[in-house]
């Protein structure tokens, strides 16, 4: 659904330290964070919009969007996701797929 809407996703592990999560969100320029309330409490989301999956936010968010905003068909050149390295040599680096 994210890809069809013209976006890409960045998987986040809520078990990671808040500093790492904050870096990943800032570095990826994430505009929306999807999650459940109890796992997002320590995630520094910055300016990203938070959509909670466990309290009806997702339904309201979907209703607010126009089907026309879904854009066209995804292409093979469209970014699908960004995964971050372990950061063993410093800060984690994003790998675009």
N, C-alpha and C. Protein backbone atom coordinates (compact mmCIF):
# COMPACT_ATOMS: atom_id res chain seq x y z
N UNK A 1 0.82 -1.19 0.00
CA UNK A 1 0.00 0.00 0.00
C UNK A 1 0.87 1.26 0.00
N UNK A 2 1.96 1.23 0.76
CA UNK A 2 2.86 2.39 0.81
C UNK A 2 3.45 2.63 -0.57
N UNK A 3 3.88 1.58 -1.21
CA UNK A 3 4.50 1.70 -2.53
C UNK A 3 3.50 2.19 -3.56
N UNK A 4 2.29 1.66 -3.51
CA UNK A 4 1.25 2.08 -4.46
C UNK A 4 0.90 3.55 -4.28
N UNK A 5 1.03 4.04 -3.06
CA UNK A 5 0.74 5.45 -2.79
C UNK A 5 1.92 6.35 -3.15
N UNK A 6 2.99 5.76 -3.68
CA UNK A 6 4.14 6.55 -4.10
C UNK A 6 5.19 6.72 -3.03
N UNK A 7 5.04 6.02 -1.93
CA UNK A 7 6.00 6.15 -0.83
C UNK A 7 6.93 4.97 -0.73
N UNK A 8 7.78 5.04 0.26
CA UNK A 8 8.69 3.95 0.60
C UNK A 8 8.63 3.79 2.11
N UNK A 9 9.02 2.63 2.62
CA UNK A 9 8.97 2.44 4.06
C UNK A 9 10.36 2.23 4.64
N UNK A 10 10.48 2.53 5.92
CA UNK A 10 11.71 2.34 6.68
C UNK A 10 11.33 1.52 7.91
N UNK A 11 11.73 0.25 7.98
CA UNK A 11 11.37 -0.55 9.16
C UNK A 11 12.10 -0.05 10.39
N UNK A 12 11.39 0.03 11.50
CA UNK A 12 11.97 0.46 12.78
C UNK A 12 11.76 -0.64 13.81
N UNK A 13 12.79 -0.93 14.57
CA UNK A 13 12.67 -1.89 15.67
C UNK A 13 12.57 -1.09 16.96
N UNK A 14 11.42 -1.12 17.63
CA UNK A 14 11.25 -0.31 18.85
C UNK A 14 12.19 -0.73 19.98
N UNK A 15 12.89 -1.85 19.83
CA UNK A 15 13.86 -2.28 20.83
C UNK A 15 15.19 -1.54 20.70
N UNK A 16 15.40 -0.87 19.57
CA UNK A 16 16.64 -0.11 19.38
C UNK A 16 16.64 1.11 20.28
N UNK A 17 17.82 1.63 20.61
CA UNK A 17 17.90 2.83 21.45
C UNK A 17 17.24 4.03 20.75
N UNK A 18 16.63 4.92 21.53
CA UNK A 18 15.98 6.11 20.95
C UNK A 18 16.92 6.93 20.07
N UNK A 19 18.21 7.00 20.41
CA UNK A 19 19.16 7.77 19.61
C UNK A 19 19.25 7.21 18.19
N UNK A 20 19.32 5.90 18.08
CA UNK A 20 19.39 5.27 16.75
C UNK A 20 18.10 5.50 15.98
N UNK A 21 16.96 5.31 16.64
CA UNK A 21 15.67 5.52 15.97
C UNK A 21 15.52 6.96 15.50
N UNK A 22 15.92 7.90 16.34
CA UNK A 22 15.86 9.31 15.96
C UNK A 22 16.73 9.60 14.76
N UNK A 23 17.93 9.01 14.73
CA UNK A 23 18.84 9.20 13.59
C UNK A 23 18.21 8.65 12.31
N UNK A 24 17.65 7.44 12.39
CA UNK A 24 17.04 6.81 11.21
C UNK A 24 15.88 7.66 10.69
N UNK A 25 15.03 8.13 11.58
CA UNK A 25 13.89 8.94 11.14
C UNK A 25 14.34 10.26 10.54
N UNK A 26 15.32 10.90 11.15
CA UNK A 26 15.82 12.17 10.63
C UNK A 26 16.55 11.97 9.30
N UNK A 27 17.42 10.97 9.24
CA UNK A 27 18.21 10.72 8.04
C UNK A 27 17.34 10.34 6.86
N UNK A 28 16.29 9.59 7.11
CA UNK A 28 15.39 9.15 6.03
C UNK A 28 14.36 10.20 5.67
N UNK A 29 14.28 11.26 6.46
CA UNK A 29 13.28 12.32 6.25
C UNK A 29 11.87 11.74 6.25
N UNK A 30 11.61 10.81 7.17
CA UNK A 30 10.29 10.19 7.27
C UNK A 30 9.24 11.25 7.55
N UNK A 31 8.15 11.20 6.81
CA UNK A 31 7.08 12.17 7.02
C UNK A 31 5.93 11.59 7.84
N UNK A 32 5.83 10.26 7.88
CA UNK A 32 4.77 9.58 8.63
C UNK A 32 5.38 8.39 9.36
N UNK A 33 4.96 8.19 10.60
CA UNK A 33 5.37 7.01 11.37
C UNK A 33 4.11 6.25 11.74
N UNK A 34 4.03 4.99 11.31
CA UNK A 34 2.91 4.11 11.65
C UNK A 34 3.35 3.20 12.79
N UNK A 35 2.48 3.01 13.76
CA UNK A 35 2.82 2.10 14.85
C UNK A 35 1.70 2.02 15.87
N UNK A 36 1.96 1.26 16.91
CA UNK A 36 1.00 1.16 18.02
C UNK A 36 1.54 1.97 19.19
N UNK A 37 0.64 2.51 19.97
CA UNK A 37 0.98 3.48 21.01
C UNK A 37 2.06 2.99 21.95
N UNK A 38 1.95 1.76 22.45
CA UNK A 38 2.91 1.32 23.46
C UNK A 38 4.32 1.11 22.92
N UNK A 39 4.49 0.92 21.60
CA UNK A 39 5.83 0.77 21.06
C UNK A 39 6.43 2.10 20.59
N UNK A 40 5.61 3.12 20.47
CA UNK A 40 6.12 4.41 20.00
C UNK A 40 6.44 5.39 21.12
N UNK A 41 6.22 5.00 22.36
CA UNK A 41 6.41 5.94 23.46
C UNK A 41 7.83 6.48 23.55
N UNK A 42 8.84 5.68 23.24
CA UNK A 42 10.23 6.12 23.36
C UNK A 42 10.85 6.46 22.01
N UNK A 43 10.04 6.49 20.95
CA UNK A 43 10.57 6.78 19.62
C UNK A 43 10.52 8.28 19.37
N UNK A 44 11.67 8.91 19.15
CA UNK A 44 11.70 10.35 18.88
C UNK A 44 11.30 10.62 17.42
N UNK A 45 10.03 10.88 17.19
CA UNK A 45 9.52 10.99 15.82
C UNK A 45 9.80 12.34 15.17
N UNK A 46 10.26 13.31 15.91
CA UNK A 46 10.56 14.61 15.32
C UNK A 46 9.32 15.23 14.73
N UNK A 47 9.43 15.72 13.50
CA UNK A 47 8.31 16.40 12.84
C UNK A 47 7.39 15.45 12.09
N UNK A 48 7.70 14.15 12.12
CA UNK A 48 6.88 13.18 11.38
C UNK A 48 5.48 13.09 11.99
N UNK A 49 4.51 12.89 11.13
CA UNK A 49 3.13 12.68 11.57
C UNK A 49 3.02 11.24 12.10
N UNK A 50 2.43 11.07 13.26
CA UNK A 50 2.25 9.75 13.85
C UNK A 50 0.83 9.27 13.58
N UNK A 51 0.70 8.08 13.02
CA UNK A 51 -0.60 7.46 12.81
C UNK A 51 -0.60 6.18 13.63
N UNK A 52 -1.47 6.14 14.63
CA UNK A 52 -1.56 4.98 15.51
C UNK A 52 -2.49 3.94 14.92
N UNK A 53 -2.01 2.72 14.88
CA UNK A 53 -2.78 1.63 14.28
C UNK A 53 -3.77 1.01 15.25
N UNK A 54 -3.66 1.36 16.53
CA UNK A 54 -4.49 0.70 17.53
C UNK A 54 -5.59 1.58 18.12
N UNK A 55 -5.82 2.75 17.56
CA UNK A 55 -6.90 3.58 18.13
C UNK A 55 -7.79 4.25 17.10
N UNK A 56 -7.80 3.74 15.89
CA UNK A 56 -8.67 4.30 14.86
C UNK A 56 -8.03 5.39 14.02
N UNK A 57 -6.80 5.80 14.35
CA UNK A 57 -6.12 6.83 13.56
C UNK A 57 -6.00 6.44 12.10
N UNK A 58 -5.71 5.17 11.85
CA UNK A 58 -5.49 4.74 10.47
C UNK A 58 -6.75 4.91 9.64
N UNK A 59 -7.89 4.59 10.22
CA UNK A 59 -9.15 4.77 9.50
C UNK A 59 -9.42 6.23 9.19
N UNK A 60 -9.19 7.10 10.16
CA UNK A 60 -9.38 8.54 9.93
C UNK A 60 -8.39 9.06 8.90
N UNK A 61 -7.15 8.59 8.97
CA UNK A 61 -6.14 9.03 8.02
C UNK A 61 -6.50 8.61 6.60
N UNK A 62 -6.99 7.40 6.44
CA UNK A 62 -7.37 6.92 5.12
C UNK A 62 -8.59 7.66 4.58
N UNK A 63 -9.55 7.94 5.45
CA UNK A 63 -10.74 8.68 5.02
C UNK A 63 -10.39 10.09 4.57
N UNK A 64 -9.35 10.67 5.16
CA UNK A 64 -8.96 12.04 4.83
C UNK A 64 -8.25 12.13 3.48
N UNK A 65 -7.80 11.01 2.96
CA UNK A 65 -7.06 11.02 1.70
C UNK A 65 -7.99 10.79 0.52
N UNK A 66 -7.68 11.42 -0.57
CA UNK A 66 -8.43 11.23 -1.80
C UNK A 66 -7.84 10.05 -2.57
N UNK A 67 -8.67 9.22 -3.18
CA UNK A 67 -8.13 8.14 -4.00
C UNK A 67 -7.22 8.66 -5.12
N UNK A 68 -7.46 9.88 -5.56
CA UNK A 68 -6.64 10.47 -6.61
C UNK A 68 -5.21 10.70 -6.14
N UNK A 69 -5.01 10.84 -4.82
CA UNK A 69 -3.67 11.10 -4.31
C UNK A 69 -2.80 9.86 -4.29
N UNK A 70 -3.37 8.71 -4.66
CA UNK A 70 -2.58 7.48 -4.69
C UNK A 70 -1.62 7.43 -5.87
N UNK A 71 -1.77 8.34 -6.80
CA UNK A 71 -0.84 8.39 -7.91
C UNK A 71 -1.06 7.26 -8.89
N UNK A 72 -0.08 7.10 -9.76
CA UNK A 72 -0.18 6.07 -10.78
C UNK A 72 0.39 4.74 -10.33
N UNK A 73 0.61 3.91 -11.29
CA UNK A 73 1.14 2.58 -11.04
C UNK A 73 2.63 2.68 -10.67
N UNK A 74 3.08 1.94 -9.66
CA UNK A 74 4.51 1.97 -9.31
C UNK A 74 5.37 1.47 -10.47
N UNK A 75 6.57 2.01 -10.55
CA UNK A 75 7.51 1.58 -11.58
C UNK A 75 8.66 0.83 -10.94
N UNK A 76 9.45 0.16 -11.76
CA UNK A 76 10.59 -0.59 -11.22
C UNK A 76 11.69 0.33 -10.73
N UNK A 77 11.61 1.60 -11.03
CA UNK A 77 12.62 2.56 -10.58
C UNK A 77 12.23 3.24 -9.27
N UNK A 78 11.03 3.00 -8.81
CA UNK A 78 10.53 3.65 -7.59
C UNK A 78 11.16 3.02 -6.35
N UNK A 79 11.56 3.86 -5.42
CA UNK A 79 12.12 3.39 -4.16
C UNK A 79 11.07 2.58 -3.41
N UNK A 80 11.44 1.39 -2.92
CA UNK A 80 10.51 0.54 -2.18
C UNK A 80 10.71 0.71 -0.68
N UNK A 81 11.95 0.64 -0.23
CA UNK A 81 12.22 0.79 1.20
C UNK A 81 13.67 1.19 1.42
N UNK A 82 13.94 1.64 2.63
CA UNK A 82 15.30 1.98 3.05
C UNK A 82 15.57 1.18 4.31
N UNK A 83 16.64 0.40 4.29
CA UNK A 83 17.02 -0.39 5.46
C UNK A 83 18.35 0.16 5.96
N UNK A 84 18.52 0.19 7.26
CA UNK A 84 19.72 0.78 7.84
C UNK A 84 20.70 -0.29 8.31
N UNK A 85 21.99 -0.02 8.07
CA UNK A 85 23.05 -0.93 8.49
C UNK A 85 23.15 -0.95 10.01
N UNK A 86 23.96 -1.83 10.52
CA UNK A 86 24.11 -1.97 11.97
C UNK A 86 24.77 -0.76 12.61
N UNK A 87 25.52 -0.01 11.83
CA UNK A 87 26.22 1.14 12.39
C UNK A 87 27.50 0.77 13.11
N UNK A 88 28.05 -0.40 12.80
CA UNK A 88 29.24 -0.88 13.51
C UNK A 88 30.46 0.00 13.25
N UNK A 89 30.46 0.77 12.16
CA UNK A 89 31.59 1.66 11.88
C UNK A 89 31.24 3.11 12.17
N UNK A 90 30.22 3.35 12.92
CA UNK A 90 29.76 4.71 13.23
C UNK A 90 28.25 4.75 13.23
N UNK A 91 27.69 5.78 12.60
CA UNK A 91 26.24 5.91 12.52
C UNK A 91 25.68 4.93 11.49
N UNK A 92 24.47 4.41 11.72
CA UNK A 92 23.84 3.54 10.72
C UNK A 92 23.65 4.30 9.40
N UNK A 93 23.84 3.59 8.30
CA UNK A 93 23.69 4.19 6.98
C UNK A 93 22.51 3.54 6.27
N UNK A 94 21.72 4.36 5.60
CA UNK A 94 20.56 3.86 4.87
C UNK A 94 20.94 3.26 3.54
N UNK A 95 20.35 2.13 3.22
CA UNK A 95 20.54 1.47 1.93
C UNK A 95 19.19 1.48 1.23
N UNK A 96 19.12 2.19 0.11
CA UNK A 96 17.86 2.33 -0.63
C UNK A 96 17.66 1.15 -1.56
N UNK A 97 16.49 0.55 -1.50
CA UNK A 97 16.16 -0.59 -2.36
C UNK A 97 14.92 -0.24 -3.17
